[in-house]
PDB file of N, CA and C in Angstrom:
ATOM      1  N   MET A   1     109.622 129.022  86.139  1.00  0.00           N
ATOM      2  CA  MET A   1     108.980 128.222  86.465  1.00  0.00           C
ATOM      3  C   MET A   1     108.675 127.910  88.047  1.00  0.00           C
ATOM      4  N   SER A   2     107.171 128.288  88.760  1.00  0.00           N
ATOM      5  CA  SER A   2     106.804 127.978  90.256  1.00  0.00           C
ATOM      6  C   SER A   2     107.039 126.486  90.449  1.00  0.00           C
ATOM      7  N   GLU A   3     107.099 126.051  91.989  1.00  0.00           N
ATOM      8  CA  GLU A   3     107.620 125.285  92.658  1.00  0.00           C
ATOM      9  C   GLU A   3     106.303 124.212  91.889  1.00  0.00           C
ATOM     10  N   GLN A   4     105.009 125.054  92.231  1.00  0.00           N
ATOM     11  CA  GLN A   4     103.699 124.081  91.543  1.00  0.00           C
ATOM     12  C   GLN A   4     103.745 123.260  90.221  1.00  0.00           C
ATOM     13  N   ASP A   5     104.565 124.181  89.694  1.00  0.00           N
ATOM     14  CA  ASP A   5     104.455 123.727  88.239  1.00  0.00           C
ATOM     15  C   ASP A   5     105.334 122.425  88.004  1.00  0.00           C
ATOM     16  N   LYS A   6     106.475 122.887  88.732  1.00  0.00           N
ATOM     17  CA  LYS A   6     107.482 121.475  88.629  1.00  0.00           C
ATOM     18  C   LYS A   6     106.984 120.480  89.305  1.00  0.00           C
ATOM     19  N   THR A   7     106.199 120.625  90.296  1.00  0.00           N
ATOM     20  CA  THR A   7     105.203 119.234  90.842  1.00  0.00           C
ATOM     21  C   THR A   7     104.455 118.519  89.782  1.00  0.00           C
ATOM     22  N   ASP A   8     103.453 119.576  89.413  1.00  0.00           N
ATOM     23  CA  ASP A   8     102.748 118.932  87.841  1.00  0.00           C
ATOM     24  C   ASP A   8     103.240 118.407  86.784  1.00  0.00           C
ATOM     25  N   ASP A   9     104.552 119.012  86.967  1.00  0.00           N
ATOM     26  CA  ASP A   9     105.588 118.343  85.577  1.00  0.00           C
ATOM     27  C   ASP A   9     105.714 116.801  86.130  1.00  0.00           C
ATOM     28  N   LYS A  10     106.281 116.868  87.101  1.00  0.00           N
ATOM     29  CA  LYS A  10     106.602 115.518  87.563  1.00  0.00           C
ATOM     30  C   LYS A  10     105.528 114.269  87.929  1.00  0.00           C
ATOM     31  N   LEU A  11     104.699 114.989  88.268  1.00  0.00           N
ATOM     32  CA  LEU A  11     103.642 114.120  88.406  1.00  0.00           C
ATOM     33  C   LEU A  11     102.678 113.644  87.374  1.00  0.00           C
ATOM     34  N   THR A  12     102.942 114.509  86.381  1.00  0.00           N
ATOM     35  CA  THR A  12     102.749 114.333  85.081  1.00  0.00           C
ATOM     36  C   THR A  12     103.561 113.065  83.842  1.00  0.00           C
ATOM     37  N   GLU A  13     104.795 113.386  84.390  1.00  0.00           N
ATOM     38  CA  GLU A  13     105.571 112.744  84.129  1.00  0.00           C
ATOM     39  C   GLU A  13     105.536 110.964  84.553  1.00  0.00           C
ATOM     40  N   LYS A  14     105.254 110.982  86.298  1.00  0.00           N
ATOM     41  CA  LYS A  14     104.903 110.203  86.712  1.00  0.00           C
ATOM     42  C   LYS A  14     103.724 109.004  85.960  1.00  0.00           C
ATOM     43  N   ARG A  15     102.614 109.697  85.498  1.00  0.00           N
ATOM     44  CA  ARG A  15     101.356 109.311  85.162  1.00  0.00           C
ATOM     45  C   ARG A  15     102.237 108.493  83.517  1.00  0.00           C
ATOM     46  N   ILE A  16     102.843 109.527  82.986  1.00  0.00           N
ATOM     47  CA  ILE A  16     103.636 108.686  81.721  1.00  0.00           C
ATOM     48  C   ILE A  16     104.394 107.566  81.891  1.00  0.00           C
ATOM     49  N   MET A  17     105.270 107.516  82.962  1.00  0.00           N
ATOM     50  CA  MET A  17     105.999 106.006  83.305  1.00  0.00           C
ATOM     51  C   MET A  17     105.264 104.968  83.763  1.00  0.00           C
ATOM     52  N   VAL A  18     104.069 105.158  84.442  1.00  0.00           N
ATOM     53  CA  VAL A  18     103.704 103.971  84.785  1.00  0.00           C
ATOM     54  C   VAL A  18     102.600 103.555  84.032  1.00  0.00           C
ATOM     55  N   MET A  19     102.131 104.325  82.904  1.00  0.00           N
ATOM     56  CA  MET A  19     101.260 103.764  81.391  1.00  0.00           C
ATOM     57  C   MET A  19     102.321 103.176  80.800  1.00  0.00           C
ATOM     58  N   MET A  20     103.562 103.729  80.768  1.00  0.00           N
ATOM     59  CA  MET A  20     104.339 102.970  79.617  1.00  0.00           C
ATOM     60  C   MET A  20     104.731 101.304  80.025  1.00  0.00           C
ATOM     61  N   ARG A  21     104.887 101.654  81.679  1.00  0.00           N
ATOM     62  CA  ARG A  21     105.366 100.246  82.225  1.00  0.00           C
ATOM     63  C   ARG A  21     104.208  99.653  82.032  1.00  0.00           C
ATOM     64  N   GLN A  22     103.055  99.810  82.222  1.00  0.00           N
ATOM     65  CA  GLN A  22     101.845  98.978  81.927  1.00  0.00           C
ATOM     66  C   GLN A  22     101.767  98.348  80.691  1.00  0.00           C
ATOM     67  N   VAL A  23     101.595  99.305  79.649  1.00  0.00           N
ATOM     68  CA  VAL A  23     101.688  99.069  78.474  1.00  0.00           C
ATOM     69  C   VAL A  23     102.853  97.574  78.008  1.00  0.00           C
ATOM     70  N   LEU A  24     103.929  98.314  78.110  1.00  0.00           N
ATOM     71  CA  LEU A  24     105.284  97.461  77.587  1.00  0.00           C
ATOM     72  C   LEU A  24     104.900  96.174  78.625  1.00  0.00           C
ATOM     73  N   SER A  25     104.275  95.988  79.783  1.00  0.00           N
ATOM     74  CA  SER A  25     104.441  94.742  80.250  1.00  0.00           C
ATOM     75  C   SER A  25     102.836  93.675  79.941  1.00  0.00           C
ATOM     76  N   ALA A  26     101.759  94.507  79.245  1.00  0.00           N
ATOM     77  CA  ALA A  26     101.184  93.793  78.814  1.00  0.00           C
ATOM     78  C   ALA A  26     101.482  92.883  77.222  1.00  0.00           C
ATOM     79  N   VAL A  27     102.463  93.881  76.446  1.00  0.00           N
ATOM     80  CA  VAL A  27     103.086  93.456  75.294  1.00  0.00           C
ATOM     81  C   VAL A  27     103.644  92.443  75.603  1.00  0.00           C
ATOM     82  N   ALA A  28     104.217  92.254  76.415  1.00  0.00           N
ATOM     83  CA  ALA A  28     105.412  91.087  76.874  1.00  0.00           C
ATOM     84  C   ALA A  28     104.337  90.001  77.428  1.00  0.00           C
ATOM     85  N   ARG A  29     102.722  89.953  78.086  1.00  0.00           N
ATOM     86  CA  ARG A  29     101.904  88.980  78.438  1.00  0.00           C
ATOM     87  C   ARG A  29     101.516  88.467  77.092  1.00  0.00           C
ATOM     88  N   ASP A  30     100.830  89.781  76.288  1.00  0.00           N
ATOM     89  CA  ASP A  30     100.341  89.085  75.009  1.00  0.00           C
ATOM     90  C   ASP A  30     101.130  88.384  74.114  1.00  0.00           C
ATOM     91  N   THR A  31     102.601  88.705  74.052  1.00  0.00           N
ATOM     92  CA  THR A  31     102.969  87.830  72.917  1.00  0.00           C
ATOM     93  C   THR A  31     103.682  86.489  73.960  1.00  0.00           C
ATOM     94  N   VAL A  32     103.532  86.109  74.466  1.00  0.00           N
ATOM     95  CA  VAL A  32     103.978  85.200  75.296  1.00  0.00           C
ATOM     96  C   VAL A  32     103.297  84.047  74.442  1.00  0.00           C
ATOM     97  N   PRO A  33     104.050  82.697  73.508  1.00  0.00           N
ATOM     98  CA  PRO A  33     103.843  81.554  72.831  1.00  0.00           C
ATOM     99  C   PRO A  33     103.630  80.713  74.061  1.00  0.00           C
ATOM    100  N   PRO A  34     102.641  79.660  73.590  1.00  0.00           N
ATOM    101  CA  PRO A  34     102.373  78.603  74.193  1.00  0.00           C
ATOM    102  C   PRO A  34     103.251  77.544  74.387  1.00  0.00           C
ATOM    103  N   PRO A  35     103.656  76.969  75.166  1.00  0.00           N
ATOM    104  CA  PRO A  35     105.100  76.126  75.448  1.00  0.00           C
ATOM    105  C   PRO A  35     105.330  75.498  74.221  1.00  0.00           C
ATOM    106  N   GLY A  36     106.637  75.358  73.578  1.00  0.00           N
ATOM    107  CA  GLY A  36     107.017  74.766  72.891  1.00  0.00           C
ATOM    108  C   GLY A  36     107.039  75.488  71.371  1.00  0.00           C
ATOM    109  N   MET A  37     106.511  76.536  71.228  1.00  0.00           N
ATOM    110  CA  MET A  37     106.543  77.713  70.045  1.00  0.00           C
ATOM    111  C   MET A  37     107.452  78.494  70.443  1.00  0.00           C
ATOM    112  N   LYS A  38     108.097  78.857  68.956  1.00  0.00           N
ATOM    113  CA  LYS A  38     108.879  80.363  69.021  1.00  0.00           C
ATOM    114  C   LYS A  38     108.230  81.376  69.627  1.00  0.00           C
ATOM    115  N   HIS A  39     109.021  82.121  70.365  1.00  0.00           N
ATOM    116  CA  HIS A  39     108.242  83.725  70.571  1.00  0.00           C
ATOM    117  C   HIS A  39     107.978  84.533  69.291  1.00  0.00           C
ATOM    118  N   PRO A  40     107.123  85.294  69.389  1.00  0.00           N
ATOM    119  CA  PRO A  40     107.438  85.853  67.874  1.00  0.00           C
ATOM    120  C   PRO A  40     108.260  87.451  67.892  1.00  0.00           C
ATOM    121  N   LEU A  41     108.727  87.502  69.268  1.00  0.00           N
ATOM    122  CA  LEU A  41     109.526  88.694  69.205  1.00  0.00           C
ATOM    123  C   LEU A  41     110.922  88.553  69.277  1.00  0.00           C
ATOM    124  N   SER A  42     111.715  89.061  68.603  1.00  0.00           N
ATOM    125  CA  SER A  42     113.325  88.527  68.526  1.00  0.00           C
ATOM    126  C   SER A  42     113.953  88.749  70.161  1.00  0.00           C
ATOM    127  N   ASP A  43     115.158  88.352  70.312  1.00  0.00           N
ATOM    128  CA  ASP A  43     115.665  88.320  71.440  1.00  0.00           C
ATOM    129  C   ASP A  43     116.097  89.939  71.451  1.00  0.00           C
ATOM    130  N   ASP A  44     116.620  90.502  70.366  1.00  0.00           N
ATOM    131  CA  ASP A  44     116.807  92.257  70.764  1.00  0.00           C
ATOM    132  C   ASP A  44     115.429  92.833  71.050  1.00  0.00           C
ATOM    133  N   THR A  45     114.473  92.524  70.948  1.00  0.00           N
ATOM    134  CA  THR A  45     113.423  93.131  71.052  1.00  0.00           C
ATOM    135  C   THR A  45     112.809  92.987  72.653  1.00  0.00           C
ATOM    136  N   ILE A  46     113.070  91.477  73.257  1.00  0.00           N
ATOM    137  CA  ILE A  46     112.789  91.446  74.549  1.00  0.00           C
ATOM    138  C   ILE A  46     113.811  91.769  75.558  1.00  0.00           C
ATOM    139  N   GLN A  47     115.162  91.895  74.798  1.00  0.00           N
ATOM    140  CA  GLN A  47     115.862  92.855  75.759  1.00  0.00           C
ATOM    141  C   GLN A  47     115.704  94.342  75.689  1.00  0.00           C
ATOM    142  N   GLY A  48     115.063  94.485  74.494  1.00  0.00           N
ATOM    143  CA  GLY A  48     114.766  96.217  74.810  1.00  0.00           C
ATOM    144  C   GLY A  48     113.787  96.424  75.611  1.00  0.00           C
ATOM    145  N   ILE A  49     112.862  95.574  75.916  1.00  0.00           N
ATOM    146  CA  ILE A  49     111.451  95.707  76.489  1.00  0.00           C
ATOM    147  C   ILE A  49     112.299  95.661  78.227  1.00  0.00           C
ATOM    148  N   ARG A  50     113.263  94.894  78.520  1.00  0.00           N
ATOM    149  CA  ARG A  50     113.484  94.580  79.435  1.00  0.00           C
ATOM    150  C   ARG A  50     114.330  95.973  80.145  1.00  0.00           C
ATOM    151  N   GLU A  51     115.237  96.151  79.282  1.00  0.00           N
ATOM    152  CA  GLU A  51     115.899  97.391  79.532  1.00  0.00           C
ATOM    153  C   GLU A  51     114.880  98.501  79.922  1.00  0.00           C
ATOM    154  N   CYS A  52     114.006  98.731  78.784  1.00  0.00           N
ATOM    155  CA  CYS A  52     112.797 100.224  79.245  1.00  0.00           C
ATOM    156  C   CYS A  52     112.367  99.712  80.182  1.00  0.00           C
ATOM    157  N   LEU A  53     111.889  98.685  80.662  1.00  0.00           N
ATOM    158  CA  LEU A  53     111.398  98.763  81.932  1.00  0.00           C
ATOM    159  C   LEU A  53     112.565  98.720  83.170  1.00  0.00           C
ATOM    160  N   ALA A  54     113.479  98.529  83.307  1.00  0.00           N
ATOM    161  CA  ALA A  54     114.198  99.101  84.210  1.00  0.00           C
ATOM    162  C   ALA A  54     114.516 100.477  84.194  1.00  0.00           C
ATOM    163  N   LEU A  55     114.692 101.316  83.285  1.00  0.00           N
ATOM    164  CA  LEU A  55     114.672 102.427  82.898  1.00  0.00           C
ATOM    165  C   LEU A  55     113.839 103.166  83.524  1.00  0.00           C
ATOM    166  N   ILE A  56     112.067 102.898  83.316  1.00  0.00           N
ATOM    167  CA  ILE A  56     111.130 103.167  83.302  1.00  0.00           C
ATOM    168  C   ILE A  56     111.110 103.092  85.097  1.00  0.00           C
ATOM    169  N   SER A  57     111.167 102.072  85.701  1.00  0.00           N
ATOM    170  CA  SER A  57     111.352 101.777  87.163  1.00  0.00           C
ATOM    171  C   SER A  57     112.267 102.764  88.112  1.00  0.00           C
ATOM    172  N   ALA A  58     113.237 103.189  87.304  1.00  0.00           N
ATOM    173  CA  ALA A  58     114.405 103.714  87.722  1.00  0.00           C
ATOM    174  C   ALA A  58     113.933 105.435  88.053  1.00  0.00           C
ATOM    175  N   ARG A  59     113.187 105.679  86.958  1.00  0.00           N
ATOM    176  CA  ARG A  59     112.701 106.706  87.191  1.00  0.00           C
ATOM    177  C   ARG A  59     111.921 107.567  87.670  1.00  0.00           C
ATOM    178  N   GLU A  60     111.015 106.264  88.230  1.00  0.00           N
ATOM    179  CA  GLU A  60     109.668 106.235  88.899  1.00  0.00           C
ATOM    180  C   GLU A  60     110.079 106.322  90.408  1.00  0.00           C
ATOM    181  N   ARG A  61     111.296 105.694  90.784  1.00  0.00           N
ATOM    182  CA  ARG A  61     111.839 105.650  91.899  1.00  0.00           C
ATOM    183  C   ARG A  61     112.287 106.891  92.430  1.00  0.00           C
ATOM    184  N   GLU A  62     113.147 107.617  91.303  1.00  0.00           N
ATOM    185  CA  GLU A  62     113.392 109.087  91.296  1.00  0.00           C
ATOM    186  C   GLU A  62     112.220 110.105  91.602  1.00  0.00           C
ATOM    187  N   LEU A  63     111.441 109.883  90.759  1.00  0.00           N
ATOM    188  CA  LEU A  63     110.545 110.612  90.678  1.00  0.00           C
ATOM    189  C   LEU A  63     109.401 110.891  92.146  1.00  0.00           C
ATOM    190  N   ASN A  64     109.630 109.458  93.054  1.00  0.00           N
ATOM    191  CA  ASN A  64     108.738 109.114  94.432  1.00  0.00           C
ATOM    192  C   ASN A  64     109.601 109.753  94.943  1.00  0.00           C
ATOM    193  N   VAL A  65     111.272 109.814  95.148  1.00  0.00           N
ATOM    194  CA  VAL A  65     111.962 110.824  96.290  1.00  0.00           C
ATOM    195  C   VAL A  65     111.995 112.413  95.727  1.00  0.00           C
ATOM    196  N   GLU A  66     111.575 112.638  94.453  1.00  0.00           N
ATOM    197  CA  GLU A  66     111.590 114.137  94.564  1.00  0.00           C
ATOM    198  C   GLU A  66     110.424 114.617  94.996  1.00  0.00           C
ATOM    199  N   LEU A  67     109.495 113.652  94.669  1.00  0.00           N
ATOM    200  CA  LEU A  67     108.006 114.382  94.981  1.00  0.00           C
ATOM    201  C   LEU A  67     107.814 114.011  96.837  1.00  0.00           C
ATOM    202  N   GLY A  68     108.911 113.335  97.028  1.00  0.00           N
ATOM    203  CA  GLY A  68     108.662 113.062  98.806  1.00  0.00           C
ATOM    204  C   GLY A  68     107.662 111.782  99.199  1.00  0.00           C
ATOM    205  N   GLU A  69     107.320 111.145  97.912  1.00  0.00           N
ATOM    206  CA  GLU A  69     106.830 110.457  98.242  1.00  0.00           C
ATOM    207  C   GLU A  69     107.253 108.893  98.563  1.00  0.00           C
ATOM    208  N   GLU A  70     106.438 108.189  99.741  1.00  0.00           N
ATOM    209  CA  GLU A  70     107.299 106.967 100.139  1.00  0.00           C
ATOM    210  C   GLU A  70     107.496 105.719  99.430  1.00  0.00           C
ATOM    211  N   GLU A  71     108.379 105.518  99.015  1.00  0.00           N
ATOM    212  CA  GLU A  71     108.286 104.016  97.969  1.00  0.00           C
ATOM    213  C   GLU A  71     107.214 102.976  98.680  1.00  0.00           C
ATOM    214  N   GLU A  72     107.147 102.437  97.224  1.00  0.00           N
ATOM    215  CA  GLU A  72     105.795 101.103  97.335  1.00  0.00           C
ATOM    216  C   GLU A  72     106.349 100.705  98.314  1.00  0.00           C
ATOM    217  N   ARG A  73     106.056  99.713  99.267  1.00  0.00           N
ATOM    218  CA  ARG A  73     105.954  98.810 100.257  1.00  0.00           C
ATOM    219  C   ARG A  73     105.686  97.592  99.472  1.00  0.00           C
ATOM    220  N   ARG A  74     106.553  96.485 100.153  1.00  0.00           N
ATOM    221  CA  ARG A  74     106.255  95.278  99.553  1.00  0.00           C
ATOM    222  C   ARG A  74     104.510  94.383 100.394  1.00  0.00           C
ATOM    223  N   PRO A  75     104.182  94.305 100.059  1.00  0.00           N
ATOM    224  CA  PRO A  75     102.952  93.304 100.746  1.00  0.00           C
ATOM    225  C   PRO A  75     103.235  92.592 102.110  1.00  0.00           C
ATOM    226  N   ARG A  76     102.533  92.339 102.647  1.00  0.00           N
ATOM    227  CA  ARG A  76     102.890  91.702 104.008  1.00  0.00           C
ATOM    228  C   ARG A  76     101.755  90.793 104.407  1.00  0.00           C
ATOM    229  N   TYR A  77     101.907  89.689 104.811  1.00  0.00           N
ATOM    230  CA  TYR A  77     101.059  88.823 105.149  1.00  0.00           C
ATOM    231  C   TYR A  77     100.156  89.656 106.556  1.00  0.00           C
ATOM    232  N   ALA A  78      98.770  89.151 106.819  1.00  0.00           N
ATOM    233  CA  ALA A  78      98.323  89.632 108.037  1.00  0.00           C
ATOM    234  C   ALA A  78      99.229  88.869 109.273  1.00  0.00           C
ATOM    235  N   ASP A  79      99.484  88.219 109.329  1.00  0.00           N
ATOM    236  CA  ASP A  79     100.048  87.669 110.280  1.00  0.00           C
ATOM    237  C   ASP A  79     101.275  87.536 110.677  1.00  0.00           C
ATOM    238  N   GLU A  80     102.287  87.978 109.500  1.00  0.00           N
ATOM    239  CA  GLU A  80     103.517  89.033 109.640  1.00  0.00           C
ATOM    240  C   GLU A  80     103.537  89.799 110.922  1.00  0.00           C
ATOM    241  N   LYS A  81     104.765  89.283 111.504  1.00  0.00           N
ATOM    242  CA  LYS A  81     105.451  90.364 112.596  1.00  0.00           C
ATOM    243  C   LYS A  81     105.756  91.696 112.161  1.00  0.00           C
ATOM    244  N   PRO A  82     105.482  92.877 112.125  1.00  0.00           N
ATOM    245  CA  PRO A  82     106.309  94.016 112.045  1.00  0.00           C
ATOM    246  C   PRO A  82     107.371  94.086 112.414  1.00  0.00           C
ATOM    247  N   THR A  83     108.306  94.857 111.585  1.00  0.00           N
ATOM    248  CA  THR A  83     110.147  94.689 111.681  1.00  0.00           C
ATOM    249  C   THR A  83     110.205  95.917 112.467  1.00  0.00           C
ATOM    250  N   SER A  84     109.092  96.989 112.682  1.00  0.00           N
ATOM    251  CA  SER A  84     109.521  98.068 113.446  1.00  0.00           C
ATOM    252  C   SER A  84     108.260  98.544 113.935  1.00  0.00           C
ATOM    253  N   THR A  85     108.612  99.360 115.210  1.00  0.00           N
ATOM    254  CA  THR A  85     107.529  99.727 115.867  1.00  0.00           C
ATOM    255  C   THR A  85     107.389 101.605 116.049  1.00  0.00           C
ATOM    256  N   VAL A  86     106.162 101.895 115.903  1.00  0.00           N
ATOM    257  CA  VAL A  86     105.878 103.254 115.939  1.00  0.00           C
ATOM    258  C   VAL A  86     105.982 104.098 117.835  1.00  0.00           C
ATOM    259  N   VAL A  87     106.288 104.749 117.698  1.00  0.00           N
ATOM    260  CA  VAL A  87     106.829 105.503 119.103  1.00  0.00           C
ATOM    261  C   VAL A  87     105.725 106.864 118.822  1.00  0.00           C
ATOM    262  N   SER A  88     104.925 107.456 120.019  1.00  0.00           N
ATOM    263  CA  SER A  88     104.657 108.769 119.922  1.00  0.00           C
ATOM    264  C   SER A  88     105.634 109.549 120.806  1.00  0.00           C
ATOM    265  N   LEU A  89     106.098 110.428 119.920  1.00  0.00           N
ATOM    266  CA  LEU A  89     107.168 111.655 120.516  1.00  0.00           C
ATOM    267  C   LEU A  89     106.136 112.515 121.769  1.00  0.00           C
ATOM    268  N   ASP A  90     104.927 112.768 121.462  1.00  0.00           N
ATOM    269  CA  ASP A  90     104.124 113.245 122.481  1.00  0.00           C
ATOM    270  C   ASP A  90     104.436 112.480 123.610  1.00  0.00           C
ATOM    271  N   SER A  91     104.339 111.118 124.037  1.00  0.00           N
ATOM    272  CA  SER A  91     104.754 110.374 124.772  1.00  0.00           C
ATOM    273  C   SER A  91     106.017 110.631 125.624  1.00  0.00           C
ATOM    274  N   LEU A  92     106.780 111.005 124.642  1.00  0.00           N
ATOM    275  CA  LEU A  92     108.628 111.292 125.418  1.00  0.00           C
ATOM    276  C   LEU A  92     108.567 112.744 125.863  1.00  0.00           C
ATOM    277  N   LEU A  93     107.524 113.947 125.206  1.00  0.00           N
ATOM    278  CA  LEU A  93     107.579 115.179 125.993  1.00  0.00           C
ATOM    279  C   LEU A  93     106.940 115.281 127.440  1.00  0.00           C
ATOM    280  N   LYS A  94     106.584 114.615 127.575  1.00  0.00           N
ATOM    281  CA  LYS A  94     105.555 114.746 129.174  1.00  0.00           C
ATOM    282  C   LYS A  94     105.975 114.340 129.920  1.00  0.00           C
ATOM    283  N   LYS A  95     106.892 113.714 130.171  1.00  0.00           N
ATOM    284  CA  LYS A  95     107.661 112.860 130.972  1.00  0.00           C
ATOM    285  C   LYS A  95     108.611 113.935 131.838  1.00  0.00           C
TER     286      LYS A  95
END
């Protein structure tokens, strides 16, 4: 199997993981009962959904590392100060 085929397989798996996460999250949102009502899903099913989402997230992180993609960064406020500074290496070489 060529390197391109492996990359394509990982990208396909990543798309599957994203879709599974989105569908499980939608099921969880769609089945939330009004306040005071009993949840239609059993506690075991809810726990199973949580565990599936955790496994999916872990595999997505692994695939991101294997594909050399940067982990998704958390959103930042526009007025939030950056925690790092970018330094051009070209400026270091010219001196």
